[in-house]
């Protein structure tokens, strides 16, 4: 199988490429907005262009059997910094990719986010009303709504927050990786609303699930991706980290009021997925990589 990955050099993309290459041919599109480990590029088939270049996008899709679209301005900070570019990439160009895949009857996986649920007192299954509170999640909602209405070959994966060590870009601007960075560099963790709930998933677990969607047929067009046991409060994450190292905790004010407890039963009713990384094991992996200087603590999408 030839799998084309838009955004294949990013946090999730680079790890997905590594795993897929074991059994499939992988083609990568990335405009290389961020620095990339040159060693990671060795032996890779990379097409460097922006997904707004429609003719190049269509030619690339024609070469592939299946498509994964990871290309996006990911996170609220980068979306606020580049709002027009975020709208173009996350919405307009992503919709064009979906439409072209649909016209060619090619399976396409679009990565969305559980952040689309915003702040909810309900357990959020796939059919509850979305409540996007950030520009990032609003762009994702627009695109996934279009895909679900128009593309029978499209699958939307609402991802939990990714953590852990990846291959090319391990980000440290999202929790719990961000907490680890703060504890190391300042001996202090800044937290707003510690009781708020965020589902998290290690990048290796996320990647194994994406691969299952590429290799097997599914019954629905949208899935929450994660594990019930990983619906954790910020307080839970900080408590686990405190078992590994010492730091102070500082309460701060923020406009980020997201809190969402997510139901993953649809995913697990269709796939037998063995969780690879708990929070404890993930923290140990990140700390080991930092000690061995295998990651850049300044890597972020800010």
C-alpha atoms as a PDB file:
ATOM      1  CA  UNK A   1       0.000   0.000   0.000  1.00  0.00           C
ATOM      2  CA  UNK A   2       1.233   3.482  -0.860  1.00  0.00           C
ATOM      3  CA  UNK A   3       0.278   5.937   1.886  1.00  0.00           C
ATOM      4  CA  UNK A   4       0.551   9.670   1.323  1.00  0.00           C
ATOM      5  CA  UNK A   5       0.964  11.814   4.421  1.00  0.00           C
ATOM      6  CA  UNK A   6       0.410  15.555   4.376  1.00  0.00           C
ATOM      7  CA  UNK A   7       2.405  17.010   7.281  1.00  0.00           C
ATOM      8  CA  UNK A   8       4.588  13.933   7.566  1.00  0.00           C
ATOM      9  CA  UNK A   9       7.465  15.682   9.337  1.00  0.00           C
ATOM     10  CA  UNK A  10       5.502  16.905  12.350  1.00  0.00           C
ATOM     11  CA  UNK A  11       5.014  15.576  15.870  1.00  0.00           C
ATOM     12  CA  UNK A  12       2.580  12.813  14.914  1.00  0.00           C
ATOM     13  CA  UNK A  13       3.619  12.587  11.273  1.00  0.00           C
ATOM     14  CA  UNK A  14       7.258  11.691  11.789  1.00  0.00           C
ATOM     15  CA  UNK A  15       6.389   8.844  14.142  1.00  0.00           C
ATOM     16  CA  UNK A  16       3.645   7.646  11.796  1.00  0.00           C
ATOM     17  CA  UNK A  17       6.092   7.608   8.890  1.00  0.00           C
ATOM     18  CA  UNK A  18       8.582   5.499  10.855  1.00  0.00           C
ATOM     19  CA  UNK A  19       5.967   2.910  11.815  1.00  0.00           C
ATOM     20  CA  UNK A  20       4.263   2.763   8.400  1.00  0.00           C
ATOM     21  CA  UNK A  21       7.570   2.289   6.579  1.00  0.00           C
ATOM     22  CA  UNK A  22       7.911  -1.135   8.199  1.00  0.00           C
ATOM     23  CA  UNK A  23       5.133  -2.559   5.996  1.00  0.00           C
ATOM     24  CA  UNK A  24       4.126   0.075   3.431  1.00  0.00           C
ATOM     25  CA  UNK A  25       5.490   2.640   1.002  1.00  0.00           C
ATOM     26  CA  UNK A  26       5.224   6.142   2.441  1.00  0.00           C
ATOM     27  CA  UNK A  27       5.244   9.434   0.539  1.00  0.00           C
ATOM     28  CA  UNK A  28       5.505  12.701   2.491  1.00  0.00           C
ATOM     29  CA  UNK A  29       4.346  16.237   1.803  1.00  0.00           C
ATOM     30  CA  UNK A  30       5.598  18.943   4.144  1.00  0.00           C
ATOM     31  CA  UNK A  31       6.451  22.601   3.580  1.00  0.00           C
ATOM     32  CA  UNK A  32       9.059  22.333   6.376  1.00  0.00           C
ATOM     33  CA  UNK A  33       7.838  25.295   8.389  1.00  0.00           C
ATOM     34  CA  UNK A  34       9.884  24.034  11.352  1.00  0.00           C
ATOM     35  CA  UNK A  35      13.375  22.622  11.719  1.00  0.00           C
ATOM     36  CA  UNK A  36      13.609  18.915  11.016  1.00  0.00           C
ATOM     37  CA  UNK A  37      16.220  16.387  12.089  1.00  0.00           C
ATOM     38  CA  UNK A  38      18.260  15.826   8.909  1.00  0.00           C
ATOM     39  CA  UNK A  39      18.978  12.232   9.892  1.00  0.00           C
ATOM     40  CA  UNK A  40      15.237  11.574   9.891  1.00  0.00           C
ATOM     41  CA  UNK A  41      15.013  12.649   6.234  1.00  0.00           C
ATOM     42  CA  UNK A  42      17.510  10.034   5.067  1.00  0.00           C
ATOM     43  CA  UNK A  43      15.826   7.528   2.763  1.00  0.00           C
ATOM     44  CA  UNK A  44      12.469   9.339   2.861  1.00  0.00           C
ATOM     45  CA  UNK A  45      10.450  10.342  -0.214  1.00  0.00           C
ATOM     46  CA  UNK A  46       9.672  13.978   0.508  1.00  0.00           C
ATOM     47  CA  UNK A  47       7.758  16.492  -1.589  1.00  0.00           C
ATOM     48  CA  UNK A  48       8.329  19.984  -0.259  1.00  0.00           C
ATOM     49  CA  UNK A  49       5.357  22.211  -1.021  1.00  0.00           C
ATOM     50  CA  UNK A  50       2.379  23.905   0.619  1.00  0.00           C
ATOM     51  CA  UNK A  51      -0.981  22.150   0.481  1.00  0.00           C
ATOM     52  CA  UNK A  52      -2.409  25.293  -1.083  1.00  0.00           C
ATOM     53  CA  UNK A  53      -0.637  24.361  -4.329  1.00  0.00           C
ATOM     54  CA  UNK A  54      -3.607  22.488  -5.736  1.00  0.00           C
ATOM     55  CA  UNK A  55      -2.051  20.956  -8.852  1.00  0.00           C
ATOM     56  CA  UNK A  56       0.821  19.529  -6.809  1.00  0.00           C
ATOM     57  CA  UNK A  57      -1.656  18.257  -4.209  1.00  0.00           C
ATOM     58  CA  UNK A  58      -3.744  16.469  -6.840  1.00  0.00           C
ATOM     59  CA  UNK A  59      -0.673  14.949  -8.512  1.00  0.00           C
ATOM     60  CA  UNK A  60       0.538  13.697  -5.128  1.00  0.00           C
ATOM     61  CA  UNK A  61      -2.833  12.148  -4.236  1.00  0.00           C
ATOM     62  CA  UNK A  62      -2.902  10.401  -7.620  1.00  0.00           C
ATOM     63  CA  UNK A  63       0.344   8.608  -6.682  1.00  0.00           C
ATOM     64  CA  UNK A  64      -1.102   7.218  -3.446  1.00  0.00           C
ATOM     65  CA  UNK A  65      -3.561   4.507  -2.447  1.00  0.00           C
ATOM     66  CA  UNK A  66      -4.612   6.228   0.791  1.00  0.00           C
ATOM     67  CA  UNK A  67      -4.130   9.649   2.327  1.00  0.00           C
ATOM     68  CA  UNK A  68      -3.575  10.906   5.876  1.00  0.00           C
ATOM     69  CA  UNK A  69      -3.940  14.663   6.301  1.00  0.00           C
ATOM     70  CA  UNK A  70      -1.955  15.866   9.313  1.00  0.00           C
ATOM     71  CA  UNK A  71      -1.080  19.214   7.777  1.00  0.00           C
ATOM     72  CA  UNK A  72      -2.281  22.004  10.062  1.00  0.00           C
ATOM     73  CA  UNK A  73      -1.412  24.981  12.199  1.00  0.00           C
ATOM     74  CA  UNK A  74      -1.746  22.986  15.419  1.00  0.00           C
ATOM     75  CA  UNK A  75      -2.531  24.694  18.705  1.00  0.00           C
ATOM     76  CA  UNK A  76      -4.057  28.001  19.706  1.00  0.00           C
ATOM     77  CA  UNK A  77      -0.826  30.002  19.971  1.00  0.00           C
ATOM     78  CA  UNK A  78       0.239  29.408  16.374  1.00  0.00           C
ATOM     79  CA  UNK A  79      -3.319  29.908  15.097  1.00  0.00           C
ATOM     80  CA  UNK A  80      -3.596  33.256  16.867  1.00  0.00           C
ATOM     81  CA  UNK A  81      -0.194  34.276  15.513  1.00  0.00           C
ATOM     82  CA  UNK A  82      -1.127  33.353  11.937  1.00  0.00           C
ATOM     83  CA  UNK A  83      -4.949  33.384  11.786  1.00  0.00           C
ATOM     84  CA  UNK A  84      -5.287  33.728   8.011  1.00  0.00           C
ATOM     85  CA  UNK A  85      -2.740  31.014   7.319  1.00  0.00           C
ATOM     86  CA  UNK A  86      -4.407  28.766   9.888  1.00  0.00           C
ATOM     87  CA  UNK A  87      -7.780  29.209   8.204  1.00  0.00           C
ATOM     88  CA  UNK A  88      -6.280  28.464   4.777  1.00  0.00           C
ATOM     89  CA  UNK A  89      -4.439  25.318   5.897  1.00  0.00           C
ATOM     90  CA  UNK A  90      -6.808  23.909   8.502  1.00  0.00           C
ATOM     91  CA  UNK A  91     -10.015  24.688   6.598  1.00  0.00           C
ATOM     92  CA  UNK A  92      -9.913  25.721   2.942  1.00  0.00           C
ATOM     93  CA  UNK A  93      -7.015  23.603   1.737  1.00  0.00           C
ATOM     94  CA  UNK A  94      -7.956  20.643   3.933  1.00  0.00           C
ATOM     95  CA  UNK A  95     -11.444  20.707   2.415  1.00  0.00           C
ATOM     96  CA  UNK A  96      -9.934  20.734  -1.090  1.00  0.00           C
ATOM     97  CA  UNK A  97      -7.866  17.661  -0.210  1.00  0.00           C
ATOM     98  CA  UNK A  98     -11.002  15.901   1.018  1.00  0.00           C
ATOM     99  CA  UNK A  99     -12.974  16.845  -2.070  1.00  0.00           C
ATOM    100  CA  UNK A 100     -10.267  15.580  -4.416  1.00  0.00           C
ATOM    101  CA  UNK A 101      -9.885  12.303  -2.501  1.00  0.00           C
ATOM    102  CA  UNK A 102     -13.651  11.904  -2.735  1.00  0.00           C
ATOM    103  CA  UNK A 103     -13.606  12.501  -6.497  1.00  0.00           C
ATOM    104  CA  UNK A 104     -10.980   9.749  -6.839  1.00  0.00           C
ATOM    105  CA  UNK A 105     -12.731   7.382  -4.366  1.00  0.00           C
ATOM    106  CA  UNK A 106      -9.612   7.282  -2.178  1.00  0.00           C
ATOM    107  CA  UNK A 107      -9.684   6.733   1.570  1.00  0.00           C
ATOM    108  CA  UNK A 108      -8.624   9.802   3.500  1.00  0.00           C
ATOM    109  CA  UNK A 109      -8.025  10.161   7.223  1.00  0.00           C
ATOM    110  CA  UNK A 110      -8.321  13.668   8.655  1.00  0.00           C
ATOM    111  CA  UNK A 111      -6.896  14.384  12.087  1.00  0.00           C
ATOM    112  CA  UNK A 112      -9.158  16.569  14.189  1.00  0.00           C
ATOM    113  CA  UNK A 113      -9.150  17.107  17.948  1.00  0.00           C
ATOM    114  CA  UNK A 114     -11.137  16.318  21.081  1.00  0.00           C
ATOM    115  CA  UNK A 115     -10.623  19.996  21.880  1.00  0.00           C
ATOM    116  CA  UNK A 116     -13.693  20.490  19.669  1.00  0.00           C
ATOM    117  CA  UNK A 117     -15.796  19.576  22.722  1.00  0.00           C
ATOM    118  CA  UNK A 118     -14.587  22.725  24.484  1.00  0.00           C
ATOM    119  CA  UNK A 119     -16.003  22.813  27.987  1.00  0.00           C
ATOM    120  CA  UNK A 120     -18.632  20.207  28.779  1.00  0.00           C
ATOM    121  CA  UNK A 121     -20.142  18.632  31.877  1.00  0.00           C
ATOM    122  CA  UNK A 122     -21.231  15.662  29.764  1.00  0.00           C
ATOM    123  CA  UNK A 123     -19.209  12.635  28.785  1.00  0.00           C
ATOM    124  CA  UNK A 124     -18.456  13.500  25.176  1.00  0.00           C
ATOM    125  CA  UNK A 125     -19.252  10.783  22.654  1.00  0.00           C
ATOM    126  CA  UNK A 126     -19.006  11.431  18.928  1.00  0.00           C
ATOM    127  CA  UNK A 127     -22.623  12.577  18.515  1.00  0.00           C
ATOM    128  CA  UNK A 128     -22.786  15.267  21.205  1.00  0.00           C
ATOM    129  CA  UNK A 129     -22.845  18.898  20.131  1.00  0.00           C
ATOM    130  CA  UNK A 130     -19.419  20.388  19.548  1.00  0.00           C
ATOM    131  CA  UNK A 131     -18.400  23.502  21.464  1.00  0.00           C
ATOM    132  CA  UNK A 132     -15.121  24.831  20.029  1.00  0.00           C
ATOM    133  CA  UNK A 133     -13.647  27.567  22.232  1.00  0.00           C
ATOM    134  CA  UNK A 134     -10.425  28.292  20.343  1.00  0.00           C
ATOM    135  CA  UNK A 135      -9.576  29.388  16.827  1.00  0.00           C
ATOM    136  CA  UNK A 136      -7.705  26.120  16.340  1.00  0.00           C
ATOM    137  CA  UNK A 137     -10.690  23.951  17.231  1.00  0.00           C
ATOM    138  CA  UNK A 138     -13.067  26.178  15.247  1.00  0.00           C
ATOM    139  CA  UNK A 139     -11.032  25.589  12.091  1.00  0.00           C
ATOM    140  CA  UNK A 140     -11.086  21.856  12.745  1.00  0.00           C
ATOM    141  CA  UNK A 141     -14.855  21.811  13.286  1.00  0.00           C
ATOM    142  CA  UNK A 142     -15.514  23.572   9.980  1.00  0.00           C
ATOM    143  CA  UNK A 143     -13.423  21.031   8.087  1.00  0.00           C
ATOM    144  CA  UNK A 144     -14.631  17.889   9.789  1.00  0.00           C
ATOM    145  CA  UNK A 145     -18.257  19.007   9.357  1.00  0.00           C
ATOM    146  CA  UNK A 146     -17.668  19.336   5.619  1.00  0.00           C
ATOM    147  CA  UNK A 147     -15.961  15.940   5.413  1.00  0.00           C
ATOM    148  CA  UNK A 148     -18.704  14.157   7.331  1.00  0.00           C
ATOM    149  CA  UNK A 149     -21.388  15.691   5.097  1.00  0.00           C
ATOM    150  CA  UNK A 150     -19.730  15.234   1.717  1.00  0.00           C
ATOM    151  CA  UNK A 151     -17.037  12.543   1.690  1.00  0.00           C
ATOM    152  CA  UNK A 152     -18.020   8.877   2.182  1.00  0.00           C
ATOM    153  CA  UNK A 153     -14.335   7.947   1.849  1.00  0.00           C
ATOM    154  CA  UNK A 154     -13.270  10.292   4.652  1.00  0.00           C
ATOM    155  CA  UNK A 155     -12.686   9.368   8.293  1.00  0.00           C
ATOM    156  CA  UNK A 156     -12.347  11.999  11.013  1.00  0.00           C
ATOM    157  CA  UNK A 157     -10.238  11.140  14.050  1.00  0.00           C
ATOM    158  CA  UNK A 158     -10.728  13.426  17.045  1.00  0.00           C
ATOM    159  CA  UNK A 159      -7.429  12.991  18.822  1.00  0.00           C
ATOM    160  CA  UNK A 160      -6.648  13.249  22.515  1.00  0.00           C
ATOM    161  CA  UNK A 161      -3.763  15.577  23.399  1.00  0.00           C
ATOM    162  CA  UNK A 162      -0.514  13.989  22.246  1.00  0.00           C
ATOM    163  CA  UNK A 163       2.456  13.542  24.592  1.00  0.00           C
ATOM    164  CA  UNK A 164       5.667  11.557  24.681  1.00  0.00           C
ATOM    165  CA  UNK A 165       8.735  11.374  22.437  1.00  0.00           C
ATOM    166  CA  UNK A 166       8.413  11.395  18.660  1.00  0.00           C
ATOM    167  CA  UNK A 167      11.010  11.003  15.909  1.00  0.00           C
ATOM    168  CA  UNK A 168      11.419  14.435  14.329  1.00  0.00           C
ATOM    169  CA  UNK A 169       9.554  17.016  16.456  1.00  0.00           C
ATOM    170  CA  UNK A 170       8.756  16.297  20.096  1.00  0.00           C
ATOM    171  CA  UNK A 171       6.706  19.329  21.141  1.00  0.00           C
ATOM    172  CA  UNK A 172       6.996  20.843  24.614  1.00  0.00           C
ATOM    173  CA  UNK A 173       4.197  23.406  24.390  1.00  0.00           C
ATOM    174  CA  UNK A 174       1.370  20.967  25.203  1.00  0.00           C
ATOM    175  CA  UNK A 175       0.604  19.138  28.419  1.00  0.00           C
ATOM    176  CA  UNK A 176       1.924  16.978  29.977  1.00  0.00           C
ATOM    177  CA  UNK A 177       5.202  17.517  28.048  1.00  0.00           C
ATOM    178  CA  UNK A 178       4.939  21.212  28.910  1.00  0.00           C
ATOM    179  CA  UNK A 179       4.726  20.413  32.632  1.00  0.00           C
ATOM    180  CA  UNK A 180       7.861  18.292  32.344  1.00  0.00           C
ATOM    181  CA  UNK A 181       9.742  21.100  30.604  1.00  0.00           C
ATOM    182  CA  UNK A 182       8.676  23.671  33.213  1.00  0.00           C
ATOM    183  CA  UNK A 183       9.639  21.397  36.095  1.00  0.00           C
ATOM    184  CA  UNK A 184      13.102  20.898  34.625  1.00  0.00           C
ATOM    185  CA  UNK A 185      13.848  24.457  33.506  1.00  0.00           C
ATOM    186  CA  UNK A 186      12.204  26.527  36.259  1.00  0.00           C
ATOM    187  CA  UNK A 187      11.479  24.007  39.043  1.00  0.00           C
ATOM    188  CA  UNK A 188       7.934  25.368  38.941  1.00  0.00           C
ATOM    189  CA  UNK A 189       4.748  24.330  37.104  1.00  0.00           C
ATOM    190  CA  UNK A 190       2.192  26.987  36.174  1.00  0.00           C
ATOM    191  CA  UNK A 191      -1.356  25.673  36.058  1.00  0.00           C
ATOM    192  CA  UNK A 192      -4.797  27.145  35.428  1.00  0.00           C
ATOM    193  CA  UNK A 193      -7.889  25.288  36.613  1.00  0.00           C
ATOM    194  CA  UNK A 194      -6.134  22.121  37.854  1.00  0.00           C
ATOM    195  CA  UNK A 195      -9.422  20.202  38.042  1.00  0.00           C
ATOM    196  CA  UNK A 196     -10.093  20.574  34.314  1.00  0.00           C
ATOM    197  CA  UNK A 197     -10.068  17.295  32.381  1.00  0.00           C
ATOM    198  CA  UNK A 198      -7.999  16.582  29.288  1.00  0.00           C
ATOM    199  CA  UNK A 199      -7.725  13.213  27.577  1.00  0.00           C
ATOM    200  CA  UNK A 200      -4.106  12.506  26.641  1.00  0.00           C
ATOM    201  CA  UNK A 201      -2.513   9.829  24.475  1.00  0.00           C
ATOM    202  CA  UNK A 202       1.087   8.907  23.831  1.00  0.00           C
ATOM    203  CA  UNK A 203       2.214   9.479  20.259  1.00  0.00           C
ATOM    204  CA  UNK A 204       3.024   5.764  19.825  1.00  0.00           C
ATOM    205  CA  UNK A 205      -0.512   4.805  20.832  1.00  0.00           C
ATOM    206  CA  UNK A 206      -1.954   7.455  18.507  1.00  0.00           C
ATOM    207  CA  UNK A 207       0.104   6.169  15.608  1.00  0.00           C
ATOM    208  CA  UNK A 208      -0.841   2.521  16.099  1.00  0.00           C
ATOM    209  CA  UNK A 209      -4.502   3.539  15.998  1.00  0.00           C
ATOM    210  CA  UNK A 210      -4.120   5.608  12.819  1.00  0.00           C
ATOM    211  CA  UNK A 211      -2.470   2.608  11.155  1.00  0.00           C
ATOM    212  CA  UNK A 212      -5.409   0.397  12.100  1.00  0.00           C
ATOM    213  CA  UNK A 213      -7.731   2.812  10.314  1.00  0.00           C
ATOM    214  CA  UNK A 214      -5.532   2.559   7.222  1.00  0.00           C
ATOM    215  CA  UNK A 215      -5.393  -1.218   7.258  1.00  0.00           C
ATOM    216  CA  UNK A 216      -8.979  -2.154   8.213  1.00  0.00           C
ATOM    217  CA  UNK A 217     -12.507  -1.140   7.252  1.00  0.00           C
ATOM    218  CA  UNK A 218     -14.568   0.783   9.812  1.00  0.00           C
ATOM    219  CA  UNK A 219     -18.262   1.313  10.484  1.00  0.00           C
ATOM    220  CA  UNK A 220     -18.412   5.051  11.180  1.00  0.00           C
ATOM    221  CA  UNK A 221     -16.943   8.262   9.781  1.00  0.00           C
ATOM    222  CA  UNK A 222     -15.881   9.919  13.039  1.00  0.00           C
ATOM    223  CA  UNK A 223     -14.101   8.512  16.097  1.00  0.00           C
ATOM    224  CA  UNK A 224     -12.733   9.825  19.364  1.00  0.00           C
ATOM    225  CA  UNK A 225      -9.182   8.509  19.722  1.00  0.00           C
ATOM    226  CA  UNK A 226      -7.853   7.712  23.169  1.00  0.00           C
ATOM    227  CA  UNK A 227      -8.364   5.582  26.274  1.00  0.00           C
ATOM    228  CA  UNK A 228     -10.879   6.076  29.072  1.00  0.00           C
ATOM    229  CA  UNK A 229      -8.113   5.658  31.646  1.00  0.00           C
ATOM    230  CA  UNK A 230      -6.310   8.658  30.154  1.00  0.00           C
ATOM    231  CA  UNK A 231      -9.105  11.149  30.812  1.00  0.00           C
ATOM    232  CA  UNK A 232      -7.040  12.975  33.429  1.00  0.00           C
ATOM    233  CA  UNK A 233      -7.184  16.271  35.248  1.00  0.00           C
ATOM    234  CA  UNK A 234      -4.191  18.574  35.149  1.00  0.00           C
ATOM    235  CA  UNK A 235      -3.917  17.825  38.858  1.00  0.00           C
ATOM    236  CA  UNK A 236      -3.607  14.103  38.060  1.00  0.00           C
ATOM    237  CA  UNK A 237      -0.773  14.801  35.628  1.00  0.00           C
ATOM    238  CA  UNK A 238       1.098  17.011  38.054  1.00  0.00           C
ATOM    239  CA  UNK A 239       0.700  14.448  40.847  1.00  0.00           C
ATOM    240  CA  UNK A 240       2.214  11.717  38.679  1.00  0.00           C
ATOM    241  CA  UNK A 241       5.088  13.964  37.651  1.00  0.00           C
ATOM    242  CA  UNK A 242       5.778  14.751  41.320  1.00  0.00           C
ATOM    243  CA  UNK A 243       6.677  11.087  41.801  1.00  0.00           C
ATOM    244  CA  UNK A 244       9.558  11.556  39.350  1.00  0.00           C
ATOM    245  CA  UNK A 245      10.949  14.951  40.371  1.00  0.00           C
ATOM    246  CA  UNK A 246      10.557  17.885  42.748  1.00  0.00           C
ATOM    247  CA  UNK A 247       9.002  21.211  41.767  1.00  0.00           C
ATOM    248  CA  UNK A 248       6.667  23.922  43.018  1.00  0.00           C
ATOM    249  CA  UNK A 249       3.156  24.471  41.709  1.00  0.00           C
ATOM    250  CA  UNK A 250       1.874  27.936  40.854  1.00  0.00           C
ATOM    251  CA  UNK A 251      -1.774  28.795  40.154  1.00  0.00           C
ATOM    252  CA  UNK A 252      -2.205  31.230  37.257  1.00  0.00           C
ATOM    253  CA  UNK A 253      -5.068  32.955  35.474  1.00  0.00           C
ATOM    254  CA  UNK A 254      -5.908  32.069  31.882  1.00  0.00           C
ATOM    255  CA  UNK A 255      -8.718  32.400  29.369  1.00  0.00           C
ATOM    256  CA  UNK A 256      -8.391  28.705  28.514  1.00  0.00           C
ATOM    257  CA  UNK A 257     -11.418  27.084  30.163  1.00  0.00           C
ATOM    258  CA  UNK A 258     -11.483  23.838  28.213  1.00  0.00           C
ATOM    259  CA  UNK A 259     -12.473  20.706  30.110  1.00  0.00           C
ATOM    260  CA  UNK A 260     -13.856  17.602  28.442  1.00  0.00           C
ATOM    261  CA  UNK A 261     -14.264  13.993  29.522  1.00  0.00           C
ATOM    262  CA  UNK A 262     -14.323  11.897  26.353  1.00  0.00           C
ATOM    263  CA  UNK A 263     -15.985   8.576  25.559  1.00  0.00           C
ATOM    264  CA  UNK A 264     -13.832   6.243  23.433  1.00  0.00           C
ATOM    265  CA  UNK A 265     -16.178   3.246  23.327  1.00  0.00           C
ATOM    266  CA  UNK A 266     -16.853   3.502  19.573  1.00  0.00           C
ATOM    267  CA  UNK A 267     -13.148   3.086  18.799  1.00  0.00           C
ATOM    268  CA  UNK A 268     -12.617   0.193  21.190  1.00  0.00           C
ATOM    269  CA  UNK A 269     -15.767  -1.635  20.117  1.00  0.00           C
ATOM    270  CA  UNK A 270     -14.218  -2.013  16.643  1.00  0.00           C
ATOM    271  CA  UNK A 271     -10.524  -2.504  17.417  1.00  0.00           C
ATOM    272  CA  UNK A 272      -8.648  -4.598  19.949  1.00  0.00           C
ATOM    273  CA  UNK A 273      -6.132  -1.937  20.965  1.00  0.00           C
ATOM    274  CA  UNK A 274      -3.491  -2.620  23.583  1.00  0.00           C
ATOM    275  CA  UNK A 275      -2.351   0.569  25.276  1.00  0.00           C
ATOM    276  CA  UNK A 276       1.425   0.946  25.028  1.00  0.00           C
ATOM    277  CA  UNK A 277       2.041   3.956  27.266  1.00  0.00           C
ATOM    278  CA  UNK A 278       0.481   4.970  30.559  1.00  0.00           C
ATOM    279  CA  UNK A 279       1.198   8.487  31.837  1.00  0.00           C
ATOM    280  CA  UNK A 280       3.807   7.054  34.204  1.00  0.00           C
ATOM    281  CA  UNK A 281       5.677   5.244  31.445  1.00  0.00           C
ATOM    282  CA  UNK A 282       5.369   8.233  29.113  1.00  0.00           C
ATOM    283  CA  UNK A 283       6.881  10.601  31.665  1.00  0.00           C
ATOM    284  CA  UNK A 284       9.782   8.205  32.196  1.00  0.00           C
ATOM    285  CA  UNK A 285      10.367   8.065  28.438  1.00  0.00           C
ATOM    286  CA  UNK A 286      10.418  11.854  28.095  1.00  0.00           C
ATOM    287  CA  UNK A 287      12.743  12.316  31.082  1.00  0.00           C
ATOM    288  CA  UNK A 288      15.115   9.695  29.697  1.00  0.00           C
ATOM    289  CA  UNK A 289      15.168  11.378  26.278  1.00  0.00           C
ATOM    290  CA  UNK A 290      15.920  14.741  27.918  1.00  0.00           C
ATOM    291  CA  UNK A 291      18.757  13.233  29.959  1.00  0.00           C
ATOM    292  CA  UNK A 292      20.244  11.676  26.818  1.00  0.00           C
ATOM    293  CA  UNK A 293      19.756  14.976  24.914  1.00  0.00           C
ATOM    294  CA  UNK A 294      17.616  13.269  22.296  1.00  0.00           C
ATOM    295  CA  UNK A 295      14.974  16.019  22.257  1.00  0.00           C
ATOM    296  CA  UNK A 296      14.916  19.805  22.034  1.00  0.00           C
ATOM    297  CA  UNK A 297      13.115  21.398  24.976  1.00  0.00           C
ATOM    298  CA  UNK A 298      12.532  24.514  22.882  1.00  0.00           C
ATOM    299  CA  UNK A 299      10.565  22.628  20.237  1.00  0.00           C
ATOM    300  CA  UNK A 300       7.064  24.069  20.078  1.00  0.00           C
ATOM    301  CA  UNK A 301       4.407  25.445  17.746  1.00  0.00           C
ATOM    302  CA  UNK A 302       4.334  28.799  19.540  1.00  0.00           C
END
